[in-house]
Protein backbone atom coordinates (compact mmCIF):
# COMPACT_ATOMS: atom_id res chain seq x y z
CA MET A 1 84.36 76.14 69.42
CA ASN A 2 82.98 77.71 72.53
CA LYS A 3 80.47 75.76 74.67
CA VAL A 4 77.18 77.10 76.06
CA ASP A 5 76.18 76.26 79.61
CA GLU A 6 72.90 74.60 78.62
CA GLY A 7 71.32 75.05 82.05
CA PHE A 8 72.04 78.75 82.63
CA PHE A 9 71.96 80.11 79.06
CA LYS A 10 69.56 77.69 77.40
CA ASP A 11 66.60 80.04 76.94
CA ALA A 12 68.70 83.05 75.91
CA TYR A 13 70.63 80.78 73.39
CA GLN A 14 67.50 79.30 71.91
CA LYS A 15 66.09 82.79 71.48
CA TYR A 16 69.31 83.99 69.82
CA ARG A 17 69.46 80.94 67.57
CA ALA A 18 65.86 81.41 66.52
CA LYS A 19 66.46 85.06 65.74
CA VAL A 20 69.57 84.31 63.72
CA LEU A 21 67.84 81.59 61.70
CA GLY A 22 64.85 83.94 61.23
CA ILE A 23 67.09 86.68 59.85
CA LEU A 24 68.74 84.31 57.46
CA GLN A 25 65.31 83.27 56.16
CA LYS A 26 63.68 86.74 55.98
CA THR A 27 66.61 88.71 54.72
CA TRP A 28 68.19 86.34 52.21
CA GLY A 29 65.62 83.55 51.86
CA MET A 30 68.12 81.09 53.29
CA VAL A 31 66.81 77.98 54.92
CA VAL A 32 69.56 75.91 56.42
CA PRO A 33 69.39 72.31 55.36
CA ALA A 34 69.35 69.68 58.14
CA GLU A 35 72.80 68.34 57.03
CA LEU A 36 74.33 71.82 57.44
CA LEU A 37 72.59 72.74 60.62
CA HIS A 38 75.37 71.40 62.88
CA SER A 39 78.06 73.69 61.38
CA VAL A 40 75.65 76.70 61.38
CA GLU A 41 74.98 75.98 65.08
CA ASP A 42 78.66 76.14 65.69
CA TRP A 43 78.77 79.65 64.24
CA ILE A 44 75.70 80.68 66.25
CA ARG A 45 77.09 79.26 69.48
CA ASP A 46 80.39 81.08 69.05
CA TYR A 47 78.72 84.37 68.23
CA PHE A 48 76.35 83.94 71.17
CA VAL A 49 79.14 83.25 73.59
CA ASP A 50 81.16 86.18 72.26
CA LYS A 51 78.09 88.40 72.63
CA PHE A 52 77.79 89.45 68.97
CA ASP A 53 74.54 90.87 67.68
CA GLU A 54 72.28 88.39 65.93
CA LEU A 55 72.47 90.33 62.62
CA ASP A 56 76.28 90.11 62.68
CA CYS A 57 75.99 86.36 63.25
CA ALA A 58 73.45 85.93 60.42
CA HIS A 59 75.53 88.07 58.10
CA ALA A 60 78.72 86.00 58.80
CA ILE A 61 76.90 82.77 58.12
CA HIS A 62 75.40 84.07 54.95
CA ASP A 63 78.72 85.35 53.67
CA ASN A 64 80.41 82.04 54.52
CA PHE A 65 77.83 80.02 52.64
CA ARG A 66 77.81 82.40 49.69
CA ARG A 67 81.62 82.15 49.40
CA GLN A 68 81.39 78.26 49.53
CA ALA A 69 78.63 78.30 46.86
CA MET A 70 80.41 80.33 44.23
CA GLY A 71 83.85 80.62 42.85
CA GLU A 72 85.87 83.80 42.50
CA SER A 73 85.22 84.06 38.70
CA MET A 74 81.50 83.24 38.81
CA GLU A 75 79.08 85.84 37.59
CA ILE A 76 76.39 87.01 40.02
CA SER A 77 73.60 85.29 37.98
CA GLU A 78 75.50 82.05 38.09
CA ALA A 79 76.04 82.38 41.76
CA LEU A 80 72.37 83.04 42.40
CA ASP A 81 71.55 79.94 40.36
CA ALA A 82 73.98 77.85 42.42
CA LEU A 83 72.67 79.12 45.77
CA HIS A 84 69.14 78.50 44.63
CA GLN A 85 69.93 74.98 43.35
CA ALA A 86 71.75 74.23 46.62
CA GLY A 87 68.62 75.18 48.49
CA LEU A 88 70.33 78.00 50.38
CA ILE A 89 67.98 80.66 49.04
CA THR A 90 64.32 80.26 48.17
CA GLU A 91 64.11 83.11 45.66
CA LYS A 92 66.77 84.82 43.48
CA LYS A 93 67.05 88.36 44.91
CA LYS A 94 69.30 90.64 42.99
CA ASP A 95 70.64 92.32 46.17
CA LEU A 96 72.56 89.32 47.43
């Protein structure tokens, strides 16, 4: 895990973090639960330090949680139900 110099990069990192979390919520309806925020911030910090785009970071986080929430043989409707029940999406969009 990369570390962020809190003094020098703090404002830029906070803006990046807010944008990533905003993209997750607006695009996929994903609100990160408090108990998972630490692992999501690890992703955000690494992508920030490596200078990846906010959308790339959000997409990687979303894909990771989606893979964790559903099994390989699960139908899309079952996957949407699992994501919704886990609180990772607020509405069941068909384009997930």
